[in-house]
Amino acid sequence: MRVRFGFWILAAGLAGACSSPGQAPLPDNNTGTGGAAVAGTGGSTGGSPLADAASGSGGQGQIGTGGGGPDGTIKTDGPTPTAPDAGSSEAGAATGSTRVLIYTLSTGFVHDSTPVAADFISRSARVAGLQPETSADPKTFTPAGLAVFGAIILIANAGEPLGPGTTGPDALIAYVKGGGALVGIENCTHAYDNYDPYVSLLGGDFAGHPTGFLTTTCAKEGTHPSVAMLPATFNVTDEIYAFTKFRMDNQVVLRCDTDRRPVSWYREEGAGRVFYTALGHSSASWQMPPLVDQHVIPGLLWAMRR
């Protein structure tokens, strides 16, 4: 099932359509200080396609296909760590379940956009026939607690959001390897940085956003459901992350900025599936349909094998 909406325009001068008047500057991930506010006053209406950055026309041809590789901002750090085995019949997902856990706790940097993202994802998940449940309770991250869900969505969860130590991360790893669906959003890659099995599960470790909050061009790769409805190239106003410990078997579907940093990928993990996107720093971006309905929800449905 796919929910189709009109494309959104995030180019400079058009990105502030959904921001409330007088919106405060967006915080910086590393310092907590104010960043650039979303600029502009108007967005397109009537489902106009995203403007191409160079010509103002529809998207250009694809810049490539297949998985990720090293570039100027990615470091690969040896073989992929081995995550814990499932260990029990409770470790896997309730395959076929429509219950989806939207998890919002962060014990590190807290994004103002997190509740907005959770709200809009929840709305669209219901339209897609799912049963979303939003929670910030780390006690859920046990084999039995996760087993009732058909998918887990992590939204900007930094620090030790699944609880201290490795019990929570190990339960999540076992859940996915046992057949569960995982969707990671924004800086959930900035959690448990020193615990390689968790970092490996997400596919990389947050290493800052060198160019800050800016308007730049993204290009999709391939025809994965998470990008199938997006134009070949389009503009976003966002933080474009850099990553270390980047898994070479990540199948990259979006690259952004002049150095083509990977910002979204998918991967099979044991019997389960992982989809990740680093987009969504601002609250305004979640109120523009394509980020949710043409990127995140299709990625979620793919991870759930729906």
Protein backbone atom coordinates (compact mmCIF):
# COMPACT_ATOMS: atom_id res chain seq x y z
CA MET A 1 0.00 0.00 0.00
CA ARG A 2 1.35 3.45 -0.85
CA VAL A 3 -0.06 6.81 0.19
CA ARG A 4 0.62 9.41 -2.47
CA PHE A 5 0.79 13.12 -1.79
CA GLY A 6 2.08 16.12 -3.71
CA PHE A 7 5.82 16.80 -3.70
CA TRP A 8 7.18 19.45 -1.38
CA ILE A 9 9.70 22.19 -2.11
CA LEU A 10 12.47 22.81 0.38
CA ALA A 11 14.68 25.08 -1.72
CA ALA A 12 16.05 28.24 -0.16
CA GLY A 13 13.38 30.90 -0.08
CA LEU A 14 10.58 28.32 -0.06
CA ALA A 15 11.41 26.14 2.91
CA GLY A 16 9.50 28.01 5.62
CA ALA A 17 5.97 27.44 4.40
CA CYS A 18 4.99 25.21 7.29
CA SER A 19 6.87 27.00 10.05
CA SER A 20 4.87 28.94 12.53
CA PRO A 21 5.38 32.74 12.54
CA GLY A 22 8.36 33.82 14.60
CA GLN A 23 9.79 30.30 14.81
CA ALA A 24 12.91 30.22 16.94
CA PRO A 25 16.22 29.33 15.28
CA LEU A 26 16.87 25.63 15.11
CA PRO A 27 19.36 24.28 17.67
CA ASP A 28 22.73 22.94 16.59
CA ASN A 29 23.26 19.24 17.28
CA ASN A 30 26.69 19.59 18.79
CA THR A 31 26.56 22.83 20.74
CA GLY A 32 22.90 23.38 21.56
CA THR A 33 23.18 26.90 20.20
CA GLY A 34 20.84 28.47 17.72
CA GLY A 35 21.20 27.62 14.05
CA ALA A 36 19.76 29.18 10.95
CA ALA A 37 15.99 29.49 10.91
CA VAL A 38 14.10 28.01 8.00
CA ALA A 39 13.90 30.72 5.40
CA GLY A 40 11.18 31.81 3.04
CA THR A 41 7.48 32.40 3.05
CA GLY A 42 5.94 30.27 0.36
CA GLY A 43 5.68 26.65 -0.68
CA SER A 44 4.16 25.20 -3.77
CA THR A 45 0.58 24.07 -3.81
CA GLY A 46 -1.27 21.66 -5.97
CA GLY A 47 1.35 18.92 -5.87
CA SER A 48 4.08 20.57 -7.93
CA PRO A 49 7.19 18.44 -8.31
CA LEU A 50 10.39 19.30 -6.49
CA ALA A 51 12.50 21.78 -8.39
CA ASP A 52 15.80 20.61 -9.76
CA ALA A 53 18.64 22.54 -8.13
CA ALA A 54 20.37 23.42 -11.37
CA SER A 55 17.54 24.12 -13.77
CA GLY A 56 14.36 24.56 -11.74
CA SER A 57 12.82 21.74 -13.73
CA GLY A 58 11.91 18.20 -12.76
CA GLY A 59 14.59 15.81 -11.53
CA GLN A 60 17.62 14.85 -13.57
CA GLY A 61 18.95 11.37 -14.25
CA GLN A 62 20.16 9.19 -11.41
CA ILE A 63 23.74 9.60 -10.29
CA GLY A 64 24.30 5.95 -9.61
CA THR A 65 22.92 2.77 -8.12
CA GLY A 66 23.85 0.26 -5.50
CA GLY A 67 25.39 0.44 -2.06
CA GLY A 68 27.52 2.92 -0.21
CA GLY A 69 31.25 3.35 -0.42
CA PRO A 70 33.87 5.57 1.19
CA ASP A 71 34.08 9.26 0.34
CA GLY A 72 35.58 12.30 1.95
CA THR A 73 33.38 12.12 5.05
CA ILE A 74 32.99 8.39 5.66
CA LYS A 75 35.43 6.12 7.41
CA THR A 76 35.15 2.37 7.40
CA ASP A 77 36.58 0.67 10.45
CA GLY A 78 37.23 -2.95 9.71
CA PRO A 79 34.82 -5.88 9.71
CA THR A 80 31.27 -5.56 10.91
CA PRO A 81 30.96 -6.48 14.62
CA THR A 82 28.92 -9.55 15.41
CA ALA A 83 25.71 -8.70 17.23
CA PRO A 84 24.25 -11.01 19.88
CA ASP A 85 22.20 -13.98 18.69
CA ALA A 86 18.45 -13.93 19.17
CA GLY A 87 18.79 -16.37 22.04
CA SER A 88 15.09 -17.13 22.57
CA SER A 89 11.80 -17.41 20.77
CA GLU A 90 10.84 -14.03 22.25
CA ALA A 91 13.69 -12.20 20.52
CA GLY A 92 12.11 -11.89 17.07
CA ALA A 93 9.25 -9.69 15.97
CA ALA A 94 5.58 -10.56 15.93
CA THR A 95 5.82 -10.97 12.17
CA GLY A 96 2.63 -9.82 10.53
CA SER A 97 1.74 -7.60 13.48
CA THR A 98 0.56 -4.11 12.54
CA ARG A 99 1.68 -2.65 15.88
CA VAL A 100 4.52 -0.15 15.43
CA LEU A 101 6.53 1.32 18.31
CA ILE A 102 7.53 4.96 17.72
CA TYR A 103 10.27 5.55 20.28
CA THR A 104 11.21 9.13 21.21
CA LEU A 105 13.46 9.14 24.32
CA SER A 106 16.86 10.81 24.03
CA THR A 107 19.29 11.07 26.92
CA GLY A 108 21.67 13.13 24.78
CA PHE A 109 20.75 16.06 22.56
CA VAL A 110 16.97 16.52 22.33
CA HIS A 111 15.54 17.73 19.03
CA ASP A 112 12.53 20.05 19.11
CA SER A 113 11.32 18.25 15.99
CA THR A 114 10.99 14.83 17.69
CA PRO A 115 7.34 15.15 18.84
CA VAL A 116 6.39 16.68 15.49
CA ALA A 117 8.03 13.79 13.64
CA ALA A 118 6.31 11.24 15.88
CA ASP A 119 2.92 12.88 15.32
CA PHE A 120 3.12 13.03 11.53
CA ILE A 121 4.59 9.53 11.22
CA SER A 122 1.85 8.21 13.49
CA ARG A 123 -0.87 9.83 11.37
CA SER A 124 0.47 8.41 8.12
CA ALA A 125 1.11 4.99 9.66
CA ARG A 126 -2.58 4.78 10.57
CA VAL A 127 -3.55 5.68 7.02
CA ALA A 128 -1.28 2.84 5.87
CA GLY A 129 -3.21 0.38 8.03
CA LEU A 130 -0.76 0.20 10.94
CA GLN A 131 -1.24 0.66 14.69
CA PRO A 132 1.39 3.16 15.89
CA GLU A 133 2.19 3.52 19.59
CA THR A 134 4.44 6.36 20.76
CA SER A 135 6.59 5.76 23.84
CA ALA A 136 9.62 7.09 25.71
CA ASP A 137 9.88 4.14 28.13
CA PRO A 138 13.20 2.27 27.90
CA LYS A 139 11.68 -0.64 29.84
CA THR A 140 10.10 -1.70 26.54
CA PHE A 141 13.50 -2.80 25.27
CA THR A 142 13.46 -6.40 26.44
CA PRO A 143 12.92 -9.48 24.25
CA ALA A 144 9.35 -9.85 25.50
CA GLY A 145 8.62 -6.13 25.32
CA LEU A 146 9.67 -5.85 21.68
CA ALA A 147 8.23 -9.14 20.47
CA VAL A 148 4.68 -7.78 20.20
CA PHE A 149 5.65 -5.19 17.58
CA GLY A 150 5.88 -5.55 13.84
CA ALA A 151 8.33 -2.63 13.64
CA ILE A 152 10.36 -0.24 15.79
CA ILE A 153 10.93 3.40 14.76
CA LEU A 154 13.73 5.27 16.54
CA ILE A 155 13.43 9.06 16.28
CA ALA A 156 16.56 11.12 17.05
CA ASN A 157 17.50 9.01 20.09
CA ALA A 158 20.96 10.07 21.31
CA GLY A 159 22.97 9.03 24.38
CA GLU A 160 21.70 5.85 26.06
CA PRO A 161 18.02 6.00 25.08
CA LEU A 162 17.33 2.28 25.46
CA GLY A 163 18.63 2.28 29.02
CA PRO A 164 22.17 2.19 30.47
CA GLY A 165 24.53 -0.62 29.58
CA THR A 166 23.92 -2.98 26.69
CA THR A 167 20.78 -4.87 27.73
CA GLY A 168 18.42 -2.62 25.74
CA PRO A 169 20.60 -2.46 22.61
CA ASP A 170 21.11 -6.23 22.70
CA ALA A 171 17.34 -6.77 22.88
CA LEU A 172 16.87 -4.52 19.84
CA ILE A 173 19.64 -6.28 17.90
CA ALA A 174 18.12 -9.68 18.68
CA TYR A 175 14.67 -8.41 17.68
CA VAL A 176 15.89 -7.34 14.25
CA LYS A 177 18.04 -10.40 13.64
CA GLY A 178 15.05 -12.52 14.61
CA GLY A 179 12.90 -10.99 11.86
CA GLY A 180 11.96 -7.53 13.14
CA ALA A 181 11.72 -4.28 11.20
CA LEU A 182 13.77 -1.26 12.30
CA VAL A 183 13.49 2.32 11.04
CA GLY A 184 16.11 4.76 12.27
CA ILE A 185 15.64 8.51 11.93
CA GLU A 186 18.12 11.34 12.24
CA ASN A 187 20.62 11.08 15.10
CA CYS A 188 19.59 7.74 16.55
CA THR A 189 23.03 7.02 15.05
CA HIS A 190 24.45 9.19 17.87
CA ALA A 191 23.64 6.62 20.59
CA TYR A 192 25.88 4.00 22.21
CA ASP A 193 28.82 5.29 20.17
CA ASN A 194 31.24 2.98 21.96
CA TYR A 195 29.09 -0.14 21.55
CA ASP A 196 29.89 -1.37 18.07
CA PRO A 197 27.02 -3.92 17.78
CA TYR A 198 24.47 -1.08 18.09
CA VAL A 199 26.41 1.17 15.71
CA SER A 200 26.63 -1.71 13.26
CA LEU A 201 22.88 -2.35 13.48
CA LEU A 202 22.11 1.23 12.42
CA GLY A 203 24.85 1.15 9.79
CA GLY A 204 27.10 3.98 10.94
CA ASP A 205 28.05 6.36 13.75
CA PHE A 206 27.11 10.07 13.71
CA ALA A 207 30.24 12.21 13.23
CA GLY A 208 28.76 15.69 13.07
CA HIS A 209 27.31 17.86 10.31
CA PRO A 210 30.27 19.66 8.73
CA THR A 211 28.25 22.09 6.64
CA GLY A 212 25.70 22.91 9.34
CA PHE A 213 22.06 23.67 8.60
CA LEU A 214 21.79 24.59 4.93
CA THR A 215 19.84 24.23 1.73
CA THR A 216 21.49 21.73 -0.58
CA THR A 217 20.78 19.19 -3.30
CA CYS A 218 20.04 15.51 -2.74
CA ALA A 219 20.02 12.79 -5.37
CA LYS A 220 18.39 9.41 -5.10
CA GLU A 221 20.03 6.15 -6.11
CA GLY A 222 18.13 3.16 -7.39
CA THR A 223 14.41 2.44 -7.18
CA HIS A 224 13.95 1.32 -3.57
CA PRO A 225 10.41 2.04 -2.27
CA SER A 226 11.78 4.70 0.11
CA VAL A 227 12.81 6.86 -2.86
CA ALA A 228 10.67 5.53 -5.71
CA MET A 229 8.20 8.43 -5.47
CA LEU A 230 10.86 11.14 -5.15
CA PRO A 231 12.34 12.97 -8.14
CA ALA A 232 15.88 12.10 -9.20
CA THR A 233 17.27 15.29 -7.63
CA PHE A 234 15.69 17.76 -5.22
CA ASN A 235 16.58 20.38 -2.64
CA VAL A 236 16.37 20.03 1.13
CA THR A 237 17.05 22.42 3.99
CA ASP A 238 18.58 20.22 6.65
CA GLU A 239 21.72 19.10 8.46
CA ILE A 240 23.71 16.69 6.30
CA TYR A 241 25.48 14.26 8.59
CA ALA A 242 28.89 12.67 8.25
CA PHE A 243 29.41 9.12 9.54
CA THR A 244 32.19 6.87 10.78
CA LYS A 245 32.04 3.06 11.13
CA PHE A 246 29.96 3.06 7.94
CA ARG A 247 28.91 -0.45 6.88
CA MET A 248 29.91 -1.29 3.34
CA ASP A 249 26.79 -3.43 2.86
CA ASN A 250 24.47 -0.46 3.44
CA GLN A 251 22.47 0.04 0.26
CA VAL A 252 22.50 3.83 -0.12
CA VAL A 253 19.34 5.40 -1.58
CA LEU A 254 19.99 9.13 -0.95
CA ARG A 255 23.15 11.24 -1.12
CA CYS A 256 23.24 14.96 -0.39
CA ASP A 257 25.48 18.02 -0.65
CA THR A 258 28.42 18.60 -2.99
CA ASP A 259 30.42 15.69 -1.59
CA ARG A 260 27.46 13.31 -2.01
CA ARG A 261 27.34 12.16 1.59
CA PRO A 262 25.03 9.18 2.16
CA VAL A 263 21.99 10.18 4.23
CA SER A 264 19.65 7.22 3.74
CA TRP A 265 20.14 3.50 3.30
CA TYR A 266 18.60 0.06 3.81
CA ARG A 267 19.94 -3.38 4.62
CA GLU A 268 18.91 -6.92 5.42
CA GLU A 269 20.03 -7.85 8.96
CA GLY A 270 19.69 -11.53 9.83
CA ALA A 271 16.03 -12.37 9.25
CA GLY A 272 15.06 -8.69 9.67
CA ARG A 273 15.39 -5.42 7.80
CA VAL A 274 16.79 -1.97 8.61
CA PHE A 275 15.92 1.36 6.96
CA TYR A 276 17.60 4.62 8.01
CA THR A 277 17.32 8.28 7.03
CA ALA A 278 19.25 11.21 8.49
CA LEU A 279 16.80 13.83 7.21
CA GLY A 280 14.32 15.64 9.46
CA HIS A 281 16.23 18.11 11.64
CA SER A 282 13.56 20.83 11.52
CA SER A 283 9.97 20.59 12.66
CA ALA A 284 8.87 22.24 9.40
CA SER A 285 10.29 19.44 7.28
CA TRP A 286 7.98 16.88 8.91
CA GLN A 287 4.92 18.93 7.95
CA MET A 288 5.75 18.60 4.26
CA PRO A 289 4.28 15.32 2.98
CA PRO A 290 7.16 13.81 1.00
CA LEU A 291 9.48 13.32 3.99
CA VAL A 292 6.84 11.17 5.65
CA ASP A 293 4.62 9.75 2.92
CA GLN A 294 7.12 9.38 0.10
CA HIS A 295 10.22 8.45 2.12
CA VAL A 296 9.74 7.26 5.71
CA ILE A 297 6.45 5.36 5.39
CA PRO A 298 7.53 3.48 2.23
CA GLY A 299 10.79 2.63 4.02
CA LEU A 300 8.81 1.38 7.01
CA LEU A 301 6.51 -0.75 4.85
CA TRP A 302 9.53 -2.24 3.07
CA ALA A 303 11.16 -3.11 6.41
CA MET A 304 7.89 -4.78 7.49
CA ARG A 305 7.69 -6.69 4.18
CA ARG A 306 4.30 -5.13 3.43
